Amino acid sequence: MRSIEWDETNNIVRMIDQRYLPRRFEWVLCSTYQEVAKAIQDMVIRGAPAIGVAGAMGMALAAINCPDDDPNQFRAFLNTAHQTLRSSRPTAVNLFWALDRIQSVIQRPIDNVEKLKKLILAEAMRIAEEDVVINHQISTHGAELIQDGDVILHHCNTGALATVDWGTALGCIRKAHLQGKRIHVLVDETRPRLQGARLTAWELEQYGIPYEIIVDGAAGYFLRSGKVKKVFFGADRIAANGDVANKIGTYMLALSAHENGVPVYCAAPTSTIDMSIPNGDVIPIEERSADEVLDIQYKGEAVAPIGAKARNPAFDITPHSLITALITEKGVIYPPFQERLLQFLSH
């Protein structure tokens, strides 16, 4: 089952509502680009590759729903949709990458609006299908790094729910499991939205992969114990020098792994690599509502004092010096990242 799909009969986008898993499985139906933008912003759908596909499908909805037959008015309408979708999440570069691909179709010298609509929808579908193929390629390369008997520490959610299907870092683990390797996964709960405890654990249940949930602060304990053999996570944006923007807590996890000599692997498609960004310091970091941090209860009572304030950066930057390798659909990239990223992308 895919996390996001296009309903050809009704021309709507449907996506799994990830806010309610694992207790409730629900679909959200979007018939306008504004609804897709809100779904991205509200984290109905999340994960960099999935957000990119959602953005592309949002543009397809905008094209189909545009009432103008005049090509100039049509392109102006789509430009508004582009800006709305682009502003829905600021950190994950896959969103901008997918929107730019759609924009390249819109700018073709074609005056037939109906033809443009078909081309835009076809490009959105192509982006979705490519994502599935790319995830399998990433997973094949990543599974080669996993040994029989490995205990792997995983942060956030990078499985099928974070992509159209299959997954990136969790996809590597899933592929290794299907190869018959005996794997045990320690799942960071990943505060404040608990994507690990809610989503990754739920996916591992479906795949029959043994796992245990740990609080984020326990990662250092398990890494120092010597039992954890590898750390796996994904990325929302990778800078030209190999710095990685990923879910908050990734930096502390990588620091602890590096201190204890545990390899750190970041799995992501090459569309997540942003060569226009020289290093992680200039990647925009989304700061979300303090309610996500403060809305915690213990025995039915709010934990935080009434009137408490909170900070809630959704991502942090992990310096390239802490990363053992980047796993992409084109292969595994080892340091020096700046030089080798250029080589990989040039091919």
C-alpha atoms as a PDB file:
ATOM      1  CA  MET A   1       0.000   0.000   0.000  1.00  0.00           C
ATOM      2  CA  ARG A   2       1.378   3.397  -0.976  1.00  0.00           C
ATOM      3  CA  SER A   3       1.462   6.378   1.370  1.00  0.00           C
ATOM      4  CA  ILE A   4       0.107   8.645  -1.382  1.00  0.00           C
ATOM      5  CA  GLU A   5      -1.890   7.860  -4.520  1.00  0.00           C
ATOM      6  CA  TRP A   6      -3.647   9.605  -7.384  1.00  0.00           C
ATOM      7  CA  ASP A   7      -7.296   8.655  -7.908  1.00  0.00           C
ATOM      8  CA  GLU A   8      -7.685   8.834 -11.700  1.00  0.00           C
ATOM      9  CA  THR A   9     -11.465   8.412 -11.578  1.00  0.00           C
ATOM     10  CA  ASN A  10     -12.117  11.422  -9.367  1.00  0.00           C
ATOM     11  CA  ASN A  11      -8.896  13.407  -9.902  1.00  0.00           C
ATOM     12  CA  ILE A  12      -8.081  13.579  -6.209  1.00  0.00           C
ATOM     13  CA  VAL A  13      -4.998  12.830  -4.136  1.00  0.00           C
ATOM     14  CA  ARG A  14      -5.381  10.434  -1.259  1.00  0.00           C
ATOM     15  CA  MET A  15      -2.767   9.980   1.431  1.00  0.00           C
ATOM     16  CA  ILE A  16      -2.470   7.978   4.632  1.00  0.00           C
ATOM     17  CA  ASP A  17      -3.086  10.261   7.614  1.00  0.00           C
ATOM     18  CA  GLN A  18       0.107   9.686   9.594  1.00  0.00           C
ATOM     19  CA  ARG A  19      -1.060  11.751  12.554  1.00  0.00           C
ATOM     20  CA  TYR A  20      -3.246   8.934  13.879  1.00  0.00           C
ATOM     21  CA  LEU A  21      -1.128   5.838  13.302  1.00  0.00           C
ATOM     22  CA  PRO A  22      -0.805   3.279  14.767  1.00  0.00           C
ATOM     23  CA  ARG A  23      -4.159   3.448  16.581  1.00  0.00           C
ATOM     24  CA  ARG A  24      -6.230   4.499  13.570  1.00  0.00           C
ATOM     25  CA  PHE A  25      -5.670   3.971   9.868  1.00  0.00           C
ATOM     26  CA  GLU A  26      -7.355   6.732   7.869  1.00  0.00           C
ATOM     27  CA  TRP A  27      -7.092   8.292   4.419  1.00  0.00           C
ATOM     28  CA  VAL A  28      -7.170  12.012   3.740  1.00  0.00           C
ATOM     29  CA  LEU A  29      -8.616  13.069   0.389  1.00  0.00           C
ATOM     30  CA  CYS A  30      -7.378  16.263  -1.256  1.00  0.00           C
ATOM     31  CA  SER A  31      -9.195  17.786  -4.218  1.00  0.00           C
ATOM     32  CA  THR A  32      -7.314  21.129  -4.349  1.00  0.00           C
ATOM     33  CA  TYR A  33      -3.702  22.207  -4.156  1.00  0.00           C
ATOM     34  CA  GLN A  34      -4.550  24.233  -1.038  1.00  0.00           C
ATOM     35  CA  GLU A  35      -5.648  21.046   0.717  1.00  0.00           C
ATOM     36  CA  VAL A  36      -2.403  19.326  -0.281  1.00  0.00           C
ATOM     37  CA  ALA A  37      -0.371  22.277   1.080  1.00  0.00           C
ATOM     38  CA  LYS A  38      -2.255  22.090   4.376  1.00  0.00           C
ATOM     39  CA  ALA A  39      -1.734  18.327   4.561  1.00  0.00           C
ATOM     40  CA  ILE A  40       2.018  18.844   4.145  1.00  0.00           C
ATOM     41  CA  GLN A  41       2.098  21.639   6.714  1.00  0.00           C
ATOM     42  CA  ASP A  42       0.018  19.700   9.247  1.00  0.00           C
ATOM     43  CA  MET A  43       2.141  16.554   8.724  1.00  0.00           C
ATOM     44  CA  VAL A  44      -0.706  14.429   7.453  1.00  0.00           C
ATOM     45  CA  ILE A  45       2.062  13.329   5.111  1.00  0.00           C
ATOM     46  CA  ARG A  46       5.747  13.647   6.015  1.00  0.00           C
ATOM     47  CA  GLY A  47       9.133  12.374   4.983  1.00  0.00           C
ATOM     48  CA  ALA A  48      11.143  14.249   2.365  1.00  0.00           C
ATOM     49  CA  PRO A  49      10.454  11.972  -0.648  1.00  0.00           C
ATOM     50  CA  ALA A  50       6.729  11.704   0.146  1.00  0.00           C
ATOM     51  CA  ILE A  51       6.457  15.481   0.568  1.00  0.00           C
ATOM     52  CA  GLY A  52       8.057  15.959  -2.849  1.00  0.00           C
ATOM     53  CA  VAL A  53       5.522  13.679  -4.516  1.00  0.00           C
ATOM     54  CA  ALA A  54       2.685  15.386  -2.632  1.00  0.00           C
ATOM     55  CA  GLY A  55       3.882  18.743  -3.966  1.00  0.00           C
ATOM     56  CA  ALA A  56       3.967  17.423  -7.533  1.00  0.00           C
ATOM     57  CA  MET A  57       0.475  15.971  -7.210  1.00  0.00           C
ATOM     58  CA  GLY A  58      -0.714  19.243  -5.688  1.00  0.00           C
ATOM     59  CA  MET A  59       0.468  21.015  -8.831  1.00  0.00           C
ATOM     60  CA  ALA A  60      -1.375  18.451 -10.960  1.00  0.00           C
ATOM     61  CA  LEU A  61      -4.557  19.230  -8.995  1.00  0.00           C
ATOM     62  CA  ALA A  62      -3.994  22.949  -9.571  1.00  0.00           C
ATOM     63  CA  ALA A  63      -3.615  22.352 -13.311  1.00  0.00           C
ATOM     64  CA  ILE A  64      -6.726  20.211 -13.603  1.00  0.00           C
ATOM     65  CA  ASN A  65      -8.841  22.595 -11.520  1.00  0.00           C
ATOM     66  CA  CYS A  66      -7.675  25.787 -13.245  1.00  0.00           C
ATOM     67  CA  PRO A  67     -10.684  27.344 -15.038  1.00  0.00           C
ATOM     68  CA  ASP A  68      -8.590  29.437 -17.471  1.00  0.00           C
ATOM     69  CA  ASP A  69      -8.082  28.384 -21.078  1.00  0.00           C
ATOM     70  CA  ASP A  70      -5.704  31.265 -21.750  1.00  0.00           C
ATOM     71  CA  PRO A  71      -2.126  29.919 -21.402  1.00  0.00           C
ATOM     72  CA  ASN A  72      -0.852  33.071 -19.688  1.00  0.00           C
ATOM     73  CA  GLN A  73      -3.641  33.037 -17.116  1.00  0.00           C
ATOM     74  CA  PHE A  74      -3.144  29.302 -16.692  1.00  0.00           C
ATOM     75  CA  ARG A  75       0.556  29.743 -15.934  1.00  0.00           C
ATOM     76  CA  ALA A  76      -0.185  32.622 -13.545  1.00  0.00           C
ATOM     77  CA  PHE A  77      -2.635  30.416 -11.643  1.00  0.00           C
ATOM     78  CA  LEU A  78      -0.052  27.629 -11.398  1.00  0.00           C
ATOM     79  CA  ASN A  79       2.592  30.077 -10.229  1.00  0.00           C
ATOM     80  CA  THR A  80       0.358  30.935  -7.260  1.00  0.00           C
ATOM     81  CA  ALA A  81      -0.087  27.219  -6.523  1.00  0.00           C
ATOM     82  CA  HIS A  82       3.680  26.718  -6.806  1.00  0.00           C
ATOM     83  CA  GLN A  83       4.391  29.418  -4.221  1.00  0.00           C
ATOM     84  CA  THR A  84       1.737  28.094  -1.836  1.00  0.00           C
ATOM     85  CA  LEU A  85       3.057  24.551  -1.961  1.00  0.00           C
ATOM     86  CA  ARG A  86       6.666  25.710  -1.772  1.00  0.00           C
ATOM     87  CA  SER A  87       6.005  27.530   1.506  1.00  0.00           C
ATOM     88  CA  SER A  88       4.314  24.548   3.195  1.00  0.00           C
ATOM     89  CA  ARG A  89       7.592  23.124   4.623  1.00  0.00           C
ATOM     90  CA  PRO A  90      10.935  24.995   4.419  1.00  0.00           C
ATOM     91  CA  THR A  91      13.621  22.361   5.102  1.00  0.00           C
ATOM     92  CA  ALA A  92      13.014  19.282   2.930  1.00  0.00           C
ATOM     93  CA  VAL A  93      14.578  20.037  -0.462  1.00  0.00           C
ATOM     94  CA  ASN A  94      12.687  17.227  -2.221  1.00  0.00           C
ATOM     95  CA  LEU A  95       9.601  19.438  -2.174  1.00  0.00           C
ATOM     96  CA  PHE A  96      11.391  22.198  -4.088  1.00  0.00           C
ATOM     97  CA  TRP A  97      13.037  19.669  -6.417  1.00  0.00           C
ATOM     98  CA  ALA A  98       9.688  18.122  -7.371  1.00  0.00           C
ATOM     99  CA  LEU A  99       7.980  21.500  -7.778  1.00  0.00           C
ATOM    100  CA  ASP A 100      10.811  22.673 -10.022  1.00  0.00           C
ATOM    101  CA  ARG A 101      10.384  19.588 -12.195  1.00  0.00           C
ATOM    102  CA  ILE A 102       6.713  20.422 -12.629  1.00  0.00           C
ATOM    103  CA  GLN A 103       7.639  24.052 -13.284  1.00  0.00           C
ATOM    104  CA  SER A 104       9.927  22.975 -16.113  1.00  0.00           C
ATOM    105  CA  VAL A 105       6.919  21.321 -17.781  1.00  0.00           C
ATOM    106  CA  ILE A 106       4.753  24.407 -17.267  1.00  0.00           C
ATOM    107  CA  GLN A 107       7.356  26.598 -18.968  1.00  0.00           C
ATOM    108  CA  ARG A 108       7.480  24.546 -22.161  1.00  0.00           C
ATOM    109  CA  PRO A 109       6.502  26.581 -25.252  1.00  0.00           C
ATOM    110  CA  ILE A 110       3.055  24.997 -25.502  1.00  0.00           C
ATOM    111  CA  ASP A 111      -0.098  27.100 -25.780  1.00  0.00           C
ATOM    112  CA  ASN A 112      -2.565  24.228 -25.628  1.00  0.00           C
ATOM    113  CA  VAL A 113      -3.745  24.282 -21.982  1.00  0.00           C
ATOM    114  CA  GLU A 114      -5.347  20.824 -22.138  1.00  0.00           C
ATOM    115  CA  LYS A 115      -2.103  19.352 -23.414  1.00  0.00           C
ATOM    116  CA  LEU A 116      -0.188  21.090 -20.625  1.00  0.00           C
ATOM    117  CA  LYS A 117      -2.556  19.651 -18.022  1.00  0.00           C
ATOM    118  CA  LYS A 118      -1.903  16.123 -19.296  1.00  0.00           C
ATOM    119  CA  LEU A 119       1.866  16.693 -19.343  1.00  0.00           C
ATOM    120  CA  ILE A 120       1.858  18.056 -15.768  1.00  0.00           C
ATOM    121  CA  LEU A 121      -0.127  15.084 -14.470  1.00  0.00           C
ATOM    122  CA  ALA A 122       2.163  12.683 -16.342  1.00  0.00           C
ATOM    123  CA  GLU A 123       5.241  14.305 -14.773  1.00  0.00           C
ATOM    124  CA  ALA A 124       3.742  14.055 -11.290  1.00  0.00           C
ATOM    125  CA  MET A 125       3.021  10.358 -11.848  1.00  0.00           C
ATOM    126  CA  ARG A 126       6.541   9.874 -13.183  1.00  0.00           C
ATOM    127  CA  ILE A 127       8.026  11.428 -10.032  1.00  0.00           C
ATOM    128  CA  ALA A 128       5.941   9.059  -7.889  1.00  0.00           C
ATOM    129  CA  GLU A 129       6.962   5.952  -9.840  1.00  0.00           C
ATOM    130  CA  GLU A 130      10.611   6.975  -9.869  1.00  0.00           C
ATOM    131  CA  ASP A 131      10.524   7.308  -6.090  1.00  0.00           C
ATOM    132  CA  VAL A 132       9.584   3.643  -5.659  1.00  0.00           C
ATOM    133  CA  VAL A 133      12.355   2.477  -7.989  1.00  0.00           C
ATOM    134  CA  ILE A 134      14.915   4.751  -6.316  1.00  0.00           C
ATOM    135  CA  ASN A 135      13.986   3.481  -2.851  1.00  0.00           C
ATOM    136  CA  HIS A 136      14.580  -0.113  -3.908  1.00  0.00           C
ATOM    137  CA  GLN A 137      17.972   0.870  -5.337  1.00  0.00           C
ATOM    138  CA  ILE A 138      18.927   2.683  -2.117  1.00  0.00           C
ATOM    139  CA  SER A 139      17.826  -0.316  -0.072  1.00  0.00           C
ATOM    140  CA  THR A 140      19.844  -2.749  -2.168  1.00  0.00           C
ATOM    141  CA  HIS A 141      23.025  -0.732  -1.641  1.00  0.00           C
ATOM    142  CA  GLY A 142      22.303  -0.184   2.052  1.00  0.00           C
ATOM    143  CA  ALA A 143      21.503  -3.835   2.786  1.00  0.00           C
ATOM    144  CA  GLU A 144      25.036  -4.753   1.724  1.00  0.00           C
ATOM    145  CA  LEU A 145      26.325  -2.788   4.725  1.00  0.00           C
ATOM    146  CA  ILE A 146      24.205  -4.784   7.184  1.00  0.00           C
ATOM    147  CA  GLN A 147      25.555  -8.032   8.602  1.00  0.00           C
ATOM    148  CA  ASP A 148      23.744 -11.041   9.996  1.00  0.00           C
ATOM    149  CA  GLY A 149      23.129 -10.463  13.712  1.00  0.00           C
ATOM    150  CA  ASP A 150      23.445  -6.652  13.614  1.00  0.00           C
ATOM    151  CA  VAL A 151      21.721  -4.484  16.180  1.00  0.00           C
ATOM    152  CA  ILE A 152      20.807  -1.250  14.402  1.00  0.00           C
ATOM    153  CA  LEU A 153      19.761   2.021  16.006  1.00  0.00           C
ATOM    154  CA  HIS A 154      17.257   3.904  13.829  1.00  0.00           C
ATOM    155  CA  HIS A 155      16.024   7.491  14.222  1.00  0.00           C
ATOM    156  CA  CYS A 156      12.652   8.939  13.150  1.00  0.00           C
ATOM    157  CA  ASN A 157      10.752   7.194  10.337  1.00  0.00           C
ATOM    158  CA  THR A 158      12.295   6.468   6.957  1.00  0.00           C
ATOM    159  CA  GLY A 159      10.103   3.619   5.804  1.00  0.00           C
ATOM    160  CA  ALA A 160       7.301   3.300   3.277  1.00  0.00           C
ATOM    161  CA  LEU A 161       5.334   6.005   5.101  1.00  0.00           C
ATOM    162  CA  ALA A 162       8.089   8.565   4.501  1.00  0.00           C
ATOM    163  CA  THR A 163       8.211   7.803   0.787  1.00  0.00           C
ATOM    164  CA  VAL A 164       5.710   6.668  -1.826  1.00  0.00           C
ATOM    165  CA  ASP A 165       6.601   3.077  -0.975  1.00  0.00           C
ATOM    166  CA  TRP A 166       9.363   0.920   0.527  1.00  0.00           C
ATOM    167  CA  GLY A 167      11.546   3.528   2.270  1.00  0.00           C
ATOM    168  CA  THR A 168      15.147   4.715   2.507  1.00  0.00           C
ATOM    169  CA  ALA A 169      17.075   3.918   5.724  1.00  0.00           C
ATOM    170  CA  LEU A 170      14.316   1.630   6.994  1.00  0.00           C
ATOM    171  CA  GLY A 171      14.097   0.232   3.479  1.00  0.00           C
ATOM    172  CA  CYS A 172      17.740  -0.891   3.816  1.00  0.00           C
ATOM    173  CA  ILE A 173      16.864  -2.703   7.044  1.00  0.00           C
ATOM    174  CA  ARG A 174      13.781  -4.248   5.446  1.00  0.00           C
ATOM    175  CA  LYS A 175      15.788  -5.453   2.450  1.00  0.00           C
ATOM    176  CA  ALA A 176      18.436  -7.025   4.712  1.00  0.00           C
ATOM    177  CA  HIS A 177      15.686  -8.771   6.676  1.00  0.00           C
ATOM    178  CA  LEU A 178      14.237 -10.218   3.465  1.00  0.00           C
ATOM    179  CA  GLN A 179      17.722 -11.482   2.613  1.00  0.00           C
ATOM    180  CA  GLY A 180      17.530 -13.641   5.730  1.00  0.00           C
ATOM    181  CA  LYS A 181      19.805 -11.564   7.944  1.00  0.00           C
ATOM    182  CA  ARG A 182      18.864 -11.657  11.617  1.00  0.00           C
ATOM    183  CA  ILE A 183      18.478  -8.034  12.621  1.00  0.00           C
ATOM    184  CA  HIS A 184      17.316  -6.319  15.776  1.00  0.00           C
ATOM    185  CA  VAL A 185      16.317  -2.640  15.632  1.00  0.00           C
ATOM    186  CA  LEU A 186      16.432  -0.153  18.494  1.00  0.00           C
ATOM    187  CA  VAL A 187      13.857   2.477  17.574  1.00  0.00           C
ATOM    188  CA  ASP A 188      14.373   6.014  18.870  1.00  0.00           C
ATOM    189  CA  GLU A 189      10.929   7.250  19.899  1.00  0.00           C
ATOM    190  CA  THR A 190      11.851  10.570  18.186  1.00  0.00           C
ATOM    191  CA  ARG A 191      10.264  13.332  20.198  1.00  0.00           C
ATOM    192  CA  PRO A 192       8.234  15.460  19.950  1.00  0.00           C
ATOM    193  CA  ARG A 193       5.986  13.850  17.324  1.00  0.00           C
ATOM    194  CA  LEU A 194       7.135  10.294  18.070  1.00  0.00           C
ATOM    195  CA  GLN A 195       7.611   9.202  14.471  1.00  0.00           C
ATOM    196  CA  GLY A 196       9.812   6.364  15.690  1.00  0.00           C
ATOM    197  CA  ALA A 197       7.499   5.005  18.361  1.00  0.00           C
ATOM    198  CA  ARG A 198       4.357   5.496  16.274  1.00  0.00           C
ATOM    199  CA  LEU A 199       5.389   4.923  12.666  1.00  0.00           C
ATOM    200  CA  THR A 200       8.687   3.017  12.507  1.00  0.00           C
ATOM    201  CA  ALA A 201       7.572   0.558  15.177  1.00  0.00           C
ATOM    202  CA  TRP A 202       4.284   0.079  13.312  1.00  0.00           C
ATOM    203  CA  GLU A 203       6.100  -0.629  10.052  1.00  0.00           C
ATOM    204  CA  LEU A 204       8.515  -3.067  11.711  1.00  0.00           C
ATOM    205  CA  GLU A 205       5.487  -4.901  13.104  1.00  0.00           C
ATOM    206  CA  GLN A 206       4.158  -5.338   9.577  1.00  0.00           C
ATOM    207  CA  TYR A 207       7.494  -6.680   8.326  1.00  0.00           C
ATOM    208  CA  GLY A 208       8.088  -9.037  11.255  1.00  0.00           C
ATOM    209  CA  ILE A 209      11.427  -7.436  12.132  1.00  0.00           C
ATOM    210  CA  PRO A 210      12.352  -7.652  15.847  1.00  0.00           C
ATOM    211  CA  TYR A 211      12.585  -4.244  17.516  1.00  0.00           C
ATOM    212  CA  GLU A 212      12.461  -2.367  20.806  1.00  0.00           C
ATOM    213  CA  ILE A 213      11.503   1.273  21.329  1.00  0.00           C
ATOM    214  CA  ILE A 214      13.914   3.380  23.368  1.00  0.00           C
ATOM    215  CA  VAL A 215      13.642   6.965  24.555  1.00  0.00           C
ATOM    216  CA  ASP A 216      15.852   9.337  22.585  1.00  0.00           C
ATOM    217  CA  GLY A 217      18.046   9.984  25.620  1.00  0.00           C
ATOM    218  CA  ALA A 218      18.882   6.281  25.955  1.00  0.00           C
ATOM    219  CA  ALA A 219      20.705   6.103  22.619  1.00  0.00           C
ATOM    220  CA  GLY A 220      24.058   6.994  24.166  1.00  0.00           C
ATOM    221  CA  TYR A 221      23.686   4.249  26.772  1.00  0.00           C
ATOM    222  CA  PHE A 222      23.114   1.577  24.150  1.00  0.00           C
ATOM    223  CA  LEU A 223      25.859   2.877  21.864  1.00  0.00           C
ATOM    224  CA  ARG A 224      28.393   2.821  24.707  1.00  0.00           C
ATOM    225  CA  SER A 225      27.362  -0.724  25.601  1.00  0.00           C
ATOM    226  CA  GLY A 226      28.998  -2.000  22.439  1.00  0.00           C
ATOM    227  CA  LYS A 227      25.901  -3.905  21.346  1.00  0.00           C
ATOM    228  CA  VAL A 228      24.799  -1.453  18.655  1.00  0.00           C
ATOM    229  CA  LYS A 229      26.678  -2.137  15.430  1.00  0.00           C
ATOM    230  CA  LYS A 230      25.294   0.584  13.168  1.00  0.00           C
ATOM    231  CA  VAL A 231      23.198   3.752  13.167  1.00  0.00           C
ATOM    232  CA  PHE A 232      20.800   4.414  10.291  1.00  0.00           C
ATOM    233  CA  PHE A 233      18.754   7.522   9.519  1.00  0.00           C
ATOM    234  CA  GLY A 234      17.483   9.503   6.540  1.00  0.00           C
ATOM    235  CA  ALA A 235      17.817  13.118   5.456  1.00  0.00           C
ATOM    236  CA  ASP A 236      15.652  16.077   4.578  1.00  0.00           C
ATOM    237  CA  ARG A 237      18.495  17.946   2.897  1.00  0.00           C
ATOM    238  CA  ILE A 238      22.168  17.213   2.284  1.00  0.00           C
ATOM    239  CA  ALA A 239      24.529  20.116   1.662  1.00  0.00           C
ATOM    240  CA  ALA A 240      27.329  20.085  -0.932  1.00  0.00           C
ATOM    241  CA  ASN A 241      29.922  19.239   1.745  1.00  0.00           C
ATOM    242  CA  GLY A 242      27.898  16.292   3.093  1.00  0.00           C
ATOM    243  CA  ASP A 243      26.331  18.012   6.111  1.00  0.00           C
ATOM    244  CA  VAL A 244      22.900  16.507   6.769  1.00  0.00           C
ATOM    245  CA  ALA A 245      19.695  18.200   7.899  1.00  0.00           C
ATOM    246  CA  ASN A 246      17.471  15.592   9.497  1.00  0.00           C
ATOM    247  CA  LYS A 247      14.914  15.150  12.263  1.00  0.00           C
ATOM    248  CA  ILE A 248      15.852  16.829  15.525  1.00  0.00           C
ATOM    249  CA  GLY A 249      18.006  14.530  17.643  1.00  0.00           C
ATOM    250  CA  THR A 250      20.037  13.183  14.729  1.00  0.00           C
ATOM    251  CA  TYR A 251      23.049  15.336  15.617  1.00  0.00           C
ATOM    252  CA  MET A 252      23.234  14.079  19.208  1.00  0.00           C
ATOM    253  CA  LEU A 253      22.803  10.507  17.992  1.00  0.00           C
ATOM    254  CA  ALA A 254      25.633  10.876  15.457  1.00  0.00           C
ATOM    255  CA  LEU A 255      27.874  12.506  18.066  1.00  0.00           C
ATOM    256  CA  SER A 256      27.379   9.617  20.465  1.00  0.00           C
ATOM    257  CA  ALA A 257      27.901   7.032  17.741  1.00  0.00           C
ATOM    258  CA  HIS A 258      31.101   8.733  16.593  1.00  0.00           C
ATOM    259  CA  GLU A 259      32.408   8.874  20.165  1.00  0.00           C
ATOM    260  CA  ASN A 260      31.813   5.140  20.545  1.00  0.00           C
ATOM    261  CA  GLY A 261      33.163   4.084  17.159  1.00  0.00           C
ATOM    262  CA  VAL A 262      29.801   3.035  15.703  1.00  0.00           C
ATOM    263  CA  PRO A 263      29.335   3.611  11.938  1.00  0.00           C
ATOM    264  CA  VAL A 264      26.709   6.204  10.987  1.00  0.00           C
ATOM    265  CA  TYR A 265      24.826   5.780   7.704  1.00  0.00           C
ATOM    266  CA  CYS A 266      22.511   8.320   6.115  1.00  0.00           C
ATOM    267  CA  ALA A 267      20.229   6.951   3.393  1.00  0.00           C
ATOM    268  CA  ALA A 268      18.551   9.345   0.967  1.00  0.00           C
ATOM    269  CA  PRO A 269      17.871   9.808  -2.755  1.00  0.00           C
ATOM    270  CA  THR A 270      20.146  12.116  -4.723  1.00  0.00           C
ATOM    271  CA  SER A 271      17.200  14.527  -5.030  1.00  0.00           C
ATOM    272  CA  THR A 272      17.824  15.284  -1.336  1.00  0.00           C
ATOM    273  CA  ILE A 273      21.329  16.560  -2.150  1.00  0.00           C
ATOM    274  CA  ASP A 274      21.348  20.327  -2.595  1.00  0.00           C
ATOM    275  CA  MET A 275      24.597  21.348  -4.251  1.00  0.00           C
ATOM    276  CA  SER A 276      23.542  25.006  -4.108  1.00  0.00           C
ATOM    277  CA  ILE A 277      23.962  24.866  -0.320  1.00  0.00           C
ATOM    278  CA  PRO A 278      27.684  24.868   0.588  1.00  0.00           C
ATOM    279  CA  ASN A 279      27.211  23.562   4.132  1.00  0.00           C
ATOM    280  CA  GLY A 280      24.600  22.811   6.756  1.00  0.00           C
ATOM    281  CA  ASP A 281      24.866  26.208   8.441  1.00  0.00           C
ATOM    282  CA  VAL A 282      22.795  27.834   5.683  1.00  0.00           C
ATOM    283  CA  ILE A 283      20.040  25.214   5.519  1.00  0.00           C
ATOM    284  CA  PRO A 284      16.785  26.788   6.782  1.00  0.00           C
ATOM    285  CA  ILE A 285      15.524  25.006   9.896  1.00  0.00           C
ATOM    286  CA  GLU A 286      11.785  24.864  10.416  1.00  0.00           C
ATOM    287  CA  GLU A 287      10.624  25.748  13.927  1.00  0.00           C
ATOM    288  CA  ARG A 288       7.208  24.324  14.681  1.00  0.00           C
ATOM    289  CA  SER A 289       4.579  25.133  17.297  1.00  0.00           C
ATOM    290  CA  ALA A 290       5.557  24.921  20.962  1.00  0.00           C
ATOM    291  CA  ASP A 291       2.356  22.931  21.501  1.00  0.00           C
ATOM    292  CA  GLU A 292       4.058  19.861  20.038  1.00  0.00           C
ATOM    293  CA  VAL A 293       6.538  19.968  22.941  1.00  0.00           C
ATOM    294  CA  LEU A 294       4.195  21.089  25.725  1.00  0.00           C
ATOM    295  CA  ASP A 295       1.204  18.902  24.915  1.00  0.00           C
ATOM    296  CA  ILE A 296       2.342  15.982  27.086  1.00  0.00           C
ATOM    297  CA  GLN A 297       0.308  14.329  29.804  1.00  0.00           C
ATOM    298  CA  TYR A 298       1.232  12.053  32.685  1.00  0.00           C
ATOM    299  CA  LYS A 299      -1.595  10.177  34.365  1.00  0.00           C
ATOM    300  CA  GLY A 300      -4.079  12.470  32.696  1.00  0.00           C
ATOM    301  CA  GLU A 301      -2.393  15.697  33.833  1.00  0.00           C
ATOM    302  CA  ALA A 302      -0.342  18.172  31.803  1.00  0.00           C
ATOM    303  CA  VAL A 303       3.365  17.762  32.507  1.00  0.00           C
ATOM    304  CA  ALA A 304       4.509  21.323  31.832  1.00  0.00           C
ATOM    305  CA  PRO A 305       3.481  24.222  34.095  1.00  0.00           C
ATOM    306  CA  ILE A 306       0.616  26.367  32.850  1.00  0.00           C
ATOM    307  CA  GLY A 307       2.101  29.219  30.823  1.00  0.00           C
ATOM    308  CA  ALA A 308       5.370  27.382  30.102  1.00  0.00           C
ATOM    309  CA  LYS A 309       7.209  28.282  26.894  1.00  0.00           C
ATOM    310  CA  ALA A 310       9.089  25.914  24.603  1.00  0.00           C
ATOM    311  CA  ARG A 311      11.335  25.841  21.534  1.00  0.00           C
ATOM    312  CA  ASN A 312      10.635  23.310  18.843  1.00  0.00           C
ATOM    313  CA  PRO A 313      13.145  23.115  15.965  1.00  0.00           C
ATOM    314  CA  ALA A 314      12.008  20.255  13.740  1.00  0.00           C
ATOM    315  CA  PHE A 315      15.492  19.491  12.381  1.00  0.00           C
ATOM    316  CA  ASP A 316      19.163  19.771  13.263  1.00  0.00           C
ATOM    317  CA  ILE A 317      22.402  19.657  11.277  1.00  0.00           C
ATOM    318  CA  THR A 318      24.782  16.717  11.506  1.00  0.00           C
ATOM    319  CA  PRO A 319      28.273  17.676  10.290  1.00  0.00           C
ATOM    320  CA  HIS A 320      29.708  15.499   7.547  1.00  0.00           C
ATOM    321  CA  SER A 321      32.633  14.591   9.790  1.00  0.00           C
ATOM    322  CA  LEU A 322      30.290  12.428  11.894  1.00  0.00           C
ATOM    323  CA  ILE A 323      28.876  10.464   8.941  1.00  0.00           C
ATOM    324  CA  THR A 324      30.498   7.243   7.771  1.00  0.00           C
ATOM    325  CA  ALA A 325      28.742   7.128   4.401  1.00  0.00           C
ATOM    326  CA  LEU A 326      25.782   8.382   2.413  1.00  0.00           C
ATOM    327  CA  ILE A 327      23.628   5.681   0.816  1.00  0.00           C
ATOM    328  CA  THR A 328      21.971   6.777  -2.445  1.00  0.00           C
ATOM    329  CA  GLU A 329      20.315   5.071  -5.394  1.00  0.00           C
ATOM    330  CA  LYS A 330      23.600   5.503  -7.286  1.00  0.00           C
ATOM    331  CA  GLY A 331      25.652   3.732  -4.638  1.00  0.00           C
ATOM    332  CA  VAL A 332      27.366   4.297  -1.307  1.00  0.00           C
ATOM    333  CA  ILE A 333      29.324   7.541  -1.066  1.00  0.00           C
ATOM    334  CA  TYR A 334      32.266   7.754   1.341  1.00  0.00           C
ATOM    335  CA  PRO A 335      34.301  10.819   2.371  1.00  0.00           C
ATOM    336  CA  PRO A 336      35.570  13.193   1.127  1.00  0.00           C
ATOM    337  CA  PHE A 337      31.930  14.010   0.402  1.00  0.00           C
ATOM    338  CA  GLN A 338      32.320  17.319  -1.434  1.00  0.00           C
ATOM    339  CA  GLU A 339      34.510  15.777  -4.111  1.00  0.00           C
ATOM    340  CA  ARG A 340      32.605  12.497  -4.405  1.00  0.00           C
ATOM    341  CA  LEU A 341      29.153  14.043  -4.403  1.00  0.00           C
ATOM    342  CA  LEU A 342      30.169  16.016  -7.470  1.00  0.00           C
ATOM    343  CA  GLN A 343      31.452  12.839  -9.121  1.00  0.00           C
ATOM    344  CA  PHE A 344      28.265  10.883  -8.361  1.00  0.00           C
ATOM    345  CA  LEU A 345      25.910  13.635  -9.491  1.00  0.00           C
ATOM    346  CA  SER A 346      27.861  14.321 -12.680  1.00  0.00           C
ATOM    347  CA  HIS A 347      27.074  10.759 -13.762  1.00  0.00           C
END
